[in-house]
Amino acid sequence: MPDPPDQALPILTGAFVFAADLLRALDGCGLSLPIEFLQLRSYGDTRVPQNDVRILMEPGGAVSGRHVLLIDGVLDRGHTLAKGRDLALGAGVRKITTVVAVDKRREDALLTADFAGFAHVREFIVGYGMDDAGQLRSLPYIATAR
């Protein structure tokens, strides 16, 4: 990558496990990134993402002028990642590369991630940081919710 990211920006809470594993792996390949966080909520207690994403914590000034790696757990309709992108740009980010553990690749999604661990998943998923109304986030793997 000719212009690698120089700042990590995981979206809490769903991306925290994936972000930790990804950032340790990148560090092992020689790309050590400082980390800032933002926290957004789009699901609440339902399995249907809301269009109105709640901002719980905005990115700090450390992201200004940086190329950030915006990290999320799952990209369903893209509202959370799009809100994260908008907040990062509003904080003065120079460039954004997006990465998610799972990109559902829905036809009605607002965007597609630049990089995804898995794609075209149709089911509601939990584990590996992703939850169902606050439950099952601690599973060490990604599973289909029942």
N, C-alpha and C. Protein backbone atom coordinates (compact mmCIF):
# COMPACT_ATOMS: atom_id res chain seq x y z
N MET A 1 0.85 -1.17 0.00
CA MET A 1 0.00 0.00 0.00
C MET A 1 0.91 1.24 0.00
N PRO A 2 0.83 2.06 -1.03
CA PRO A 2 1.74 3.20 -1.15
C PRO A 2 1.53 4.27 -0.07
N ASP A 3 0.33 4.41 0.44
CA ASP A 3 0.02 5.40 1.48
C ASP A 3 -0.65 4.66 2.63
N PRO A 4 0.13 3.95 3.47
CA PRO A 4 -0.49 3.17 4.53
C PRO A 4 -1.10 4.07 5.60
N PRO A 5 -2.12 3.57 6.29
CA PRO A 5 -2.70 4.35 7.39
C PRO A 5 -1.65 4.64 8.46
N ASP A 6 -1.82 5.75 9.15
CA ASP A 6 -0.92 6.09 10.24
C ASP A 6 -1.67 6.30 11.55
N GLN A 7 -2.95 5.89 11.57
CA GLN A 7 -3.78 6.01 12.77
C GLN A 7 -4.91 4.99 12.69
N ALA A 8 -5.16 4.27 13.77
CA ALA A 8 -6.30 3.36 13.82
C ALA A 8 -7.46 4.05 14.52
N LEU A 9 -8.68 3.82 14.00
CA LEU A 9 -9.88 4.41 14.58
C LEU A 9 -10.98 3.35 14.64
N PRO A 10 -10.92 2.46 15.64
CA PRO A 10 -11.98 1.46 15.79
C PRO A 10 -13.28 2.09 16.28
N ILE A 11 -14.40 1.52 15.83
CA ILE A 11 -15.71 1.96 16.28
C ILE A 11 -16.16 1.02 17.40
N LEU A 12 -16.29 1.57 18.58
CA LEU A 12 -16.78 0.80 19.71
C LEU A 12 -18.29 0.72 19.65
N THR A 13 -18.91 -0.32 20.03
CA THR A 13 -18.31 -1.36 20.82
C THR A 13 -18.07 -2.60 19.97
N GLY A 14 -18.77 -2.74 18.88
CA GLY A 14 -18.75 -3.96 18.08
C GLY A 14 -17.41 -4.33 17.47
N ALA A 15 -16.51 -3.38 17.29
CA ALA A 15 -15.24 -3.67 16.61
C ALA A 15 -14.09 -3.96 17.56
N PHE A 16 -14.32 -3.92 18.87
CA PHE A 16 -13.17 -3.96 19.77
C PHE A 16 -12.36 -5.25 19.69
N VAL A 17 -12.99 -6.41 19.55
CA VAL A 17 -12.25 -7.67 19.47
C VAL A 17 -11.52 -7.76 18.13
N PHE A 18 -12.23 -7.50 17.04
CA PHE A 18 -11.62 -7.54 15.71
C PHE A 18 -10.48 -6.54 15.62
N ALA A 19 -10.69 -5.33 16.13
CA ALA A 19 -9.65 -4.30 16.07
C ALA A 19 -8.40 -4.74 16.83
N ALA A 20 -8.57 -5.31 18.00
CA ALA A 20 -7.41 -5.76 18.78
C ALA A 20 -6.61 -6.81 18.01
N ASP A 21 -7.30 -7.80 17.45
CA ASP A 21 -6.60 -8.84 16.69
C ASP A 21 -5.95 -8.27 15.43
N LEU A 22 -6.68 -7.42 14.71
CA LEU A 22 -6.15 -6.83 13.49
C LEU A 22 -4.92 -5.96 13.77
N LEU A 23 -5.00 -5.13 14.79
CA LEU A 23 -3.89 -4.22 15.09
C LEU A 23 -2.66 -4.97 15.58
N ARG A 24 -2.86 -6.06 16.33
CA ARG A 24 -1.70 -6.89 16.73
C ARG A 24 -1.08 -7.55 15.50
N ALA A 25 -1.91 -8.02 14.56
CA ALA A 25 -1.39 -8.65 13.34
C ALA A 25 -0.64 -7.63 12.49
N LEU A 26 -1.18 -6.43 12.34
CA LEU A 26 -0.50 -5.39 11.57
C LEU A 26 0.84 -5.03 12.22
N ASP A 27 0.85 -4.95 13.55
CA ASP A 27 2.09 -4.65 14.27
C ASP A 27 3.14 -5.73 13.99
N GLY A 28 2.69 -6.98 13.93
CA GLY A 28 3.61 -8.08 13.63
C GLY A 28 4.17 -8.01 12.22
N CYS A 29 3.48 -7.28 11.34
CA CYS A 29 3.95 -7.09 9.96
C CYS A 29 4.71 -5.76 9.80
N GLY A 30 4.95 -5.07 10.91
CA GLY A 30 5.72 -3.84 10.86
C GLY A 30 4.92 -2.55 10.77
N LEU A 31 3.60 -2.64 10.86
CA LEU A 31 2.76 -1.44 10.81
C LEU A 31 2.12 -1.24 12.19
N SER A 32 2.76 -0.43 13.02
CA SER A 32 2.28 -0.16 14.36
C SER A 32 1.51 1.16 14.34
N LEU A 33 0.22 1.11 14.65
CA LEU A 33 -0.63 2.30 14.54
C LEU A 33 -1.07 2.79 15.92
N PRO A 34 -0.97 4.10 16.15
CA PRO A 34 -1.60 4.64 17.36
C PRO A 34 -3.11 4.50 17.23
N ILE A 35 -3.80 4.44 18.36
CA ILE A 35 -5.23 4.16 18.36
C ILE A 35 -6.01 5.28 19.04
N GLU A 36 -7.05 5.73 18.37
CA GLU A 36 -8.09 6.59 18.93
C GLU A 36 -9.38 5.82 18.77
N PHE A 37 -10.39 6.14 19.54
CA PHE A 37 -11.66 5.44 19.43
C PHE A 37 -12.80 6.40 19.15
N LEU A 38 -13.86 5.86 18.57
CA LEU A 38 -15.13 6.55 18.57
C LEU A 38 -16.17 5.49 18.92
N GLN A 39 -17.27 5.94 19.50
CA GLN A 39 -18.29 4.98 19.91
C GLN A 39 -19.63 5.41 19.35
N LEU A 40 -20.24 4.49 18.61
CA LEU A 40 -21.53 4.73 17.97
C LEU A 40 -22.47 3.59 18.31
N ARG A 41 -23.75 3.86 18.27
CA ARG A 41 -24.74 2.81 18.52
C ARG A 41 -25.82 2.90 17.46
N SER A 42 -26.03 1.78 16.77
CA SER A 42 -27.06 1.78 15.72
C SER A 42 -28.10 0.68 15.90
N TYR A 43 -27.84 -0.31 16.73
CA TYR A 43 -28.80 -1.41 16.89
C TYR A 43 -29.68 -1.29 18.12
N GLY A 44 -29.15 -0.79 19.20
CA GLY A 44 -29.93 -0.76 20.43
C GLY A 44 -30.28 -2.16 20.87
N ASP A 45 -31.54 -2.40 21.19
CA ASP A 45 -31.97 -3.72 21.66
C ASP A 45 -32.71 -4.52 20.59
N THR A 46 -32.52 -4.16 19.32
CA THR A 46 -33.20 -4.86 18.24
C THR A 46 -32.18 -5.50 17.30
N ARG A 47 -32.65 -6.31 16.40
CA ARG A 47 -31.79 -6.90 15.38
C ARG A 47 -31.85 -6.11 14.08
N VAL A 48 -32.53 -5.01 14.10
CA VAL A 48 -32.66 -4.16 12.92
C VAL A 48 -31.88 -2.88 13.15
N PRO A 49 -30.87 -2.60 12.31
CA PRO A 49 -30.10 -1.37 12.51
C PRO A 49 -30.97 -0.14 12.28
N GLN A 50 -30.75 0.86 13.10
CA GLN A 50 -31.50 2.11 12.98
C GLN A 50 -30.76 3.07 12.04
N ASN A 51 -31.51 3.85 11.29
CA ASN A 51 -30.89 4.85 10.41
C ASN A 51 -30.27 5.97 11.22
N ASP A 52 -30.82 6.23 12.41
CA ASP A 52 -30.33 7.29 13.27
C ASP A 52 -29.27 6.72 14.20
N VAL A 53 -28.01 6.88 13.85
CA VAL A 53 -26.91 6.34 14.64
C VAL A 53 -26.59 7.30 15.78
N ARG A 54 -26.59 6.79 17.00
CA ARG A 54 -26.29 7.62 18.17
C ARG A 54 -24.79 7.74 18.36
N ILE A 55 -24.33 8.96 18.60
CA ILE A 55 -22.91 9.23 18.85
C ILE A 55 -22.69 9.21 20.35
N LEU A 56 -21.87 8.29 20.83
CA LEU A 56 -21.56 8.20 22.25
C LEU A 56 -20.19 8.78 22.55
N MET A 57 -19.25 8.73 21.58
CA MET A 57 -17.92 9.30 21.75
C MET A 57 -17.36 9.63 20.36
N GLU A 58 -16.97 10.87 20.17
CA GLU A 58 -16.41 11.31 18.89
C GLU A 58 -14.91 11.12 18.88
N PRO A 59 -14.30 11.07 17.68
CA PRO A 59 -12.84 10.94 17.62
C PRO A 59 -12.17 12.19 18.16
N GLY A 60 -11.02 12.01 18.78
CA GLY A 60 -10.26 13.14 19.33
C GLY A 60 -9.45 13.85 18.25
N GLY A 61 -8.82 14.92 18.65
CA GLY A 61 -8.03 15.74 17.74
C GLY A 61 -6.80 15.05 17.18
N ALA A 62 -6.40 13.92 17.77
CA ALA A 62 -5.21 13.22 17.30
C ALA A 62 -5.36 12.68 15.88
N VAL A 63 -6.59 12.61 15.37
CA VAL A 63 -6.81 12.07 14.03
C VAL A 63 -6.65 13.13 12.94
N SER A 64 -6.60 14.38 13.31
CA SER A 64 -6.52 15.47 12.33
C SER A 64 -5.27 15.35 11.47
N GLY A 65 -5.47 15.41 10.16
CA GLY A 65 -4.36 15.33 9.20
C GLY A 65 -3.84 13.93 8.96
N ARG A 66 -4.46 12.94 9.55
CA ARG A 66 -3.97 11.56 9.47
C ARG A 66 -4.72 10.75 8.41
N HIS A 67 -4.11 9.66 8.02
CA HIS A 67 -4.76 8.63 7.20
C HIS A 67 -5.21 7.57 8.19
N VAL A 68 -6.52 7.48 8.43
CA VAL A 68 -7.02 6.55 9.45
C VAL A 68 -7.51 5.25 8.85
N LEU A 69 -7.31 4.20 9.62
CA LEU A 69 -7.90 2.90 9.34
C LEU A 69 -9.14 2.82 10.20
N LEU A 70 -10.31 3.03 9.60
CA LEU A 70 -11.59 3.01 10.30
C LEU A 70 -12.06 1.57 10.38
N ILE A 71 -12.20 1.05 11.59
CA ILE A 71 -12.44 -0.37 11.82
C ILE A 71 -13.81 -0.58 12.45
N ASP A 72 -14.60 -1.51 11.87
CA ASP A 72 -15.88 -1.87 12.47
C ASP A 72 -16.05 -3.38 12.42
N GLY A 73 -17.00 -3.89 13.19
CA GLY A 73 -17.25 -5.33 13.23
C GLY A 73 -18.02 -5.82 12.03
N VAL A 74 -19.22 -5.27 11.84
CA VAL A 74 -20.07 -5.73 10.73
C VAL A 74 -20.62 -4.53 9.98
N LEU A 75 -20.63 -4.63 8.67
CA LEU A 75 -21.25 -3.62 7.81
C LEU A 75 -22.53 -4.23 7.29
N ASP A 76 -23.66 -3.77 7.83
CA ASP A 76 -24.96 -4.27 7.41
C ASP A 76 -25.51 -3.32 6.34
N ARG A 77 -26.12 -2.25 6.75
CA ARG A 77 -26.61 -1.25 5.79
C ARG A 77 -25.63 -0.08 5.64
N GLY A 78 -24.63 -0.03 6.52
CA GLY A 78 -23.56 0.97 6.37
C GLY A 78 -23.78 2.27 7.11
N HIS A 79 -24.85 2.38 7.87
CA HIS A 79 -25.11 3.64 8.57
C HIS A 79 -24.04 3.95 9.63
N THR A 80 -23.60 2.94 10.36
CA THR A 80 -22.59 3.16 11.39
C THR A 80 -21.26 3.55 10.77
N LEU A 81 -20.82 2.81 9.77
CA LEU A 81 -19.54 3.12 9.13
C LEU A 81 -19.59 4.48 8.44
N ALA A 82 -20.72 4.81 7.81
CA ALA A 82 -20.86 6.11 7.16
C ALA A 82 -20.81 7.24 8.20
N LYS A 83 -21.46 7.04 9.35
CA LYS A 83 -21.42 8.05 10.42
C LYS A 83 -19.99 8.18 10.95
N GLY A 84 -19.31 7.07 11.13
CA GLY A 84 -17.91 7.11 11.56
C GLY A 84 -17.03 7.85 10.57
N ARG A 85 -17.24 7.58 9.30
CA ARG A 85 -16.49 8.28 8.25
C ARG A 85 -16.76 9.78 8.30
N ASP A 86 -18.02 10.16 8.44
CA ASP A 86 -18.38 11.58 8.49
C ASP A 86 -17.77 12.27 9.72
N LEU A 87 -17.80 11.59 10.86
CA LEU A 87 -17.21 12.16 12.07
C LEU A 87 -15.69 12.31 11.94
N ALA A 88 -15.06 11.30 11.33
CA ALA A 88 -13.61 11.37 11.14
C ALA A 88 -13.24 12.51 10.20
N LEU A 89 -13.98 12.64 9.10
CA LEU A 89 -13.70 13.75 8.18
C LEU A 89 -13.94 15.09 8.86
N GLY A 90 -14.98 15.17 9.70
CA GLY A 90 -15.26 16.39 10.45
C GLY A 90 -14.16 16.72 11.45
N ALA A 91 -13.41 15.70 11.88
CA ALA A 91 -12.31 15.90 12.82
C ALA A 91 -11.00 16.20 12.09
N GLY A 92 -11.07 16.33 10.77
CA GLY A 92 -9.90 16.72 10.00
C GLY A 92 -9.05 15.60 9.43
N VAL A 93 -9.62 14.39 9.39
CA VAL A 93 -8.87 13.26 8.82
C VAL A 93 -8.57 13.54 7.34
N ARG A 94 -7.35 13.20 6.93
CA ARG A 94 -6.91 13.42 5.56
C ARG A 94 -7.42 12.35 4.61
N LYS A 95 -7.41 11.10 5.06
CA LYS A 95 -7.80 9.97 4.21
C LYS A 95 -8.33 8.86 5.10
N ILE A 96 -9.28 8.08 4.56
CA ILE A 96 -9.87 6.98 5.33
C ILE A 96 -9.81 5.69 4.51
N THR A 97 -9.35 4.63 5.17
CA THR A 97 -9.43 3.28 4.63
C THR A 97 -10.32 2.51 5.61
N THR A 98 -11.34 1.82 5.09
CA THR A 98 -12.27 1.10 5.96
C THR A 98 -12.01 -0.40 5.93
N VAL A 99 -12.15 -1.01 7.10
CA VAL A 99 -12.01 -2.45 7.21
C VAL A 99 -13.03 -2.95 8.23
N VAL A 100 -13.68 -4.07 7.90
CA VAL A 100 -14.67 -4.68 8.79
C VAL A 100 -14.40 -6.19 8.87
N ALA A 101 -14.84 -6.78 9.96
CA ALA A 101 -14.75 -8.24 10.06
C ALA A 101 -15.70 -8.88 9.05
N VAL A 102 -16.93 -8.32 8.95
CA VAL A 102 -17.94 -8.87 8.05
C VAL A 102 -18.63 -7.75 7.27
N ASP A 103 -18.61 -7.85 5.97
CA ASP A 103 -19.36 -6.93 5.09
C ASP A 103 -20.48 -7.75 4.47
N LYS A 104 -21.71 -7.48 4.85
CA LYS A 104 -22.84 -8.26 4.34
C LYS A 104 -23.08 -8.03 2.85
N ARG A 105 -22.52 -6.96 2.30
CA ARG A 105 -22.64 -6.62 0.88
C ARG A 105 -24.09 -6.57 0.43
N ARG A 106 -24.89 -5.90 1.22
CA ARG A 106 -26.30 -5.71 0.87
C ARG A 106 -26.40 -4.72 -0.29
N GLU A 107 -27.34 -4.96 -1.15
CA GLU A 107 -27.54 -4.06 -2.30
C GLU A 107 -27.96 -2.67 -1.87
N ASP A 108 -28.64 -2.55 -0.72
CA ASP A 108 -29.10 -1.25 -0.25
C ASP A 108 -28.12 -0.58 0.72
N ALA A 109 -26.93 -1.12 0.87
CA ALA A 109 -25.94 -0.54 1.79
C ALA A 109 -25.45 0.81 1.25
N LEU A 110 -25.16 1.71 2.18
CA LEU A 110 -24.67 3.04 1.82
C LEU A 110 -23.25 3.00 1.25
N LEU A 111 -22.47 1.99 1.64
CA LEU A 111 -21.09 1.88 1.18
C LEU A 111 -20.62 0.45 1.30
N THR A 112 -19.45 0.19 0.78
CA THR A 112 -18.79 -1.10 0.88
C THR A 112 -17.45 -0.86 1.54
N ALA A 113 -17.03 -1.75 2.40
CA ALA A 113 -15.73 -1.60 3.07
C ALA A 113 -14.61 -1.82 2.06
N ASP A 114 -13.49 -1.14 2.30
CA ASP A 114 -12.31 -1.35 1.46
C ASP A 114 -11.76 -2.76 1.65
N PHE A 115 -11.83 -3.25 2.90
CA PHE A 115 -11.35 -4.59 3.22
C PHE A 115 -12.34 -5.25 4.16
N ALA A 116 -12.55 -6.57 3.98
CA ALA A 116 -13.45 -7.32 4.86
C ALA A 116 -12.90 -8.73 5.05
N GLY A 117 -13.02 -9.22 6.28
CA GLY A 117 -12.62 -10.60 6.56
C GLY A 117 -13.56 -11.59 5.90
N PHE A 118 -14.86 -11.29 5.95
CA PHE A 118 -15.89 -12.13 5.35
C PHE A 118 -16.88 -11.23 4.62
N ALA A 119 -17.51 -11.76 3.58
CA ALA A 119 -18.49 -10.98 2.82
C ALA A 119 -19.68 -11.86 2.46
N HIS A 120 -20.78 -11.20 2.12
CA HIS A 120 -22.02 -11.84 1.67
C HIS A 120 -22.66 -12.72 2.73
N VAL A 121 -22.55 -12.32 3.98
CA VAL A 121 -23.21 -13.03 5.09
C VAL A 121 -24.62 -12.47 5.19
N ARG A 122 -25.63 -13.31 5.21
CA ARG A 122 -27.02 -12.86 5.23
C ARG A 122 -27.65 -12.88 6.63
N GLU A 123 -27.17 -13.76 7.49
CA GLU A 123 -27.77 -13.95 8.79
C GLU A 123 -27.37 -12.84 9.77
N PHE A 124 -28.15 -12.73 10.85
CA PHE A 124 -27.78 -11.86 11.96
C PHE A 124 -26.70 -12.60 12.73
N ILE A 125 -25.57 -11.96 12.95
CA ILE A 125 -24.43 -12.63 13.56
C ILE A 125 -24.08 -12.01 14.91
N VAL A 126 -23.44 -12.84 15.74
CA VAL A 126 -23.01 -12.44 17.07
C VAL A 126 -21.62 -13.00 17.33
N GLY A 127 -21.04 -12.55 18.43
CA GLY A 127 -19.73 -13.05 18.84
C GLY A 127 -18.61 -12.21 18.27
N TYR A 128 -17.41 -12.45 18.77
CA TYR A 128 -16.22 -11.73 18.30
C TYR A 128 -16.41 -10.22 18.41
N GLY A 129 -17.14 -9.80 19.47
CA GLY A 129 -17.39 -8.39 19.72
C GLY A 129 -18.78 -7.91 19.32
N MET A 130 -19.45 -8.65 18.47
CA MET A 130 -20.79 -8.26 17.99
C MET A 130 -21.85 -8.91 18.87
N ASP A 131 -22.96 -8.19 19.08
CA ASP A 131 -23.91 -8.68 20.08
C ASP A 131 -25.34 -8.74 19.54
N ASP A 132 -26.19 -9.35 20.35
CA ASP A 132 -27.63 -9.37 20.14
C ASP A 132 -28.24 -8.78 21.39
N ALA A 133 -28.59 -7.49 21.34
CA ALA A 133 -29.15 -6.76 22.49
C ALA A 133 -28.26 -6.90 23.72
N GLY A 134 -26.95 -6.78 23.51
CA GLY A 134 -25.99 -6.82 24.62
C GLY A 134 -25.50 -8.21 24.99
N GLN A 135 -26.03 -9.25 24.37
CA GLN A 135 -25.66 -10.62 24.70
C GLN A 135 -24.76 -11.23 23.63
N LEU A 136 -23.97 -12.20 24.03
CA LEU A 136 -23.15 -13.05 23.15
C LEU A 136 -21.94 -12.33 22.55
N ARG A 137 -21.65 -11.13 22.98
CA ARG A 137 -20.51 -10.36 22.46
C ARG A 137 -19.19 -11.06 22.76
N SER A 138 -19.11 -11.81 23.87
CA SER A 138 -17.85 -12.41 24.32
C SER A 138 -17.52 -13.74 23.66
N LEU A 139 -18.39 -14.24 22.77
CA LEU A 139 -18.03 -15.48 22.07
C LEU A 139 -16.73 -15.28 21.33
N PRO A 140 -15.82 -16.26 21.35
CA PRO A 140 -14.53 -16.10 20.68
C PRO A 140 -14.59 -16.38 19.17
N TYR A 141 -15.77 -16.49 18.63
CA TYR A 141 -15.98 -16.77 17.22
C TYR A 141 -17.24 -16.03 16.75
N ILE A 142 -17.46 -16.00 15.43
CA ILE A 142 -18.66 -15.39 14.87
C ILE A 142 -19.68 -16.50 14.66
N ALA A 143 -20.92 -16.27 15.13
CA ALA A 143 -21.96 -17.28 15.02
C ALA A 143 -23.25 -16.64 14.53
N THR A 144 -24.13 -17.48 14.02
CA THR A 144 -25.46 -17.03 13.63
C THR A 144 -26.32 -16.97 14.88
N ALA A 145 -27.01 -15.85 15.07
CA ALA A 145 -27.92 -15.71 16.21
C ALA A 145 -29.18 -16.51 15.93
N ARG A 146 -29.76 -17.06 16.96
CA ARG A 146 -30.98 -17.85 16.80
C ARG A 146 -32.19 -17.03 17.13
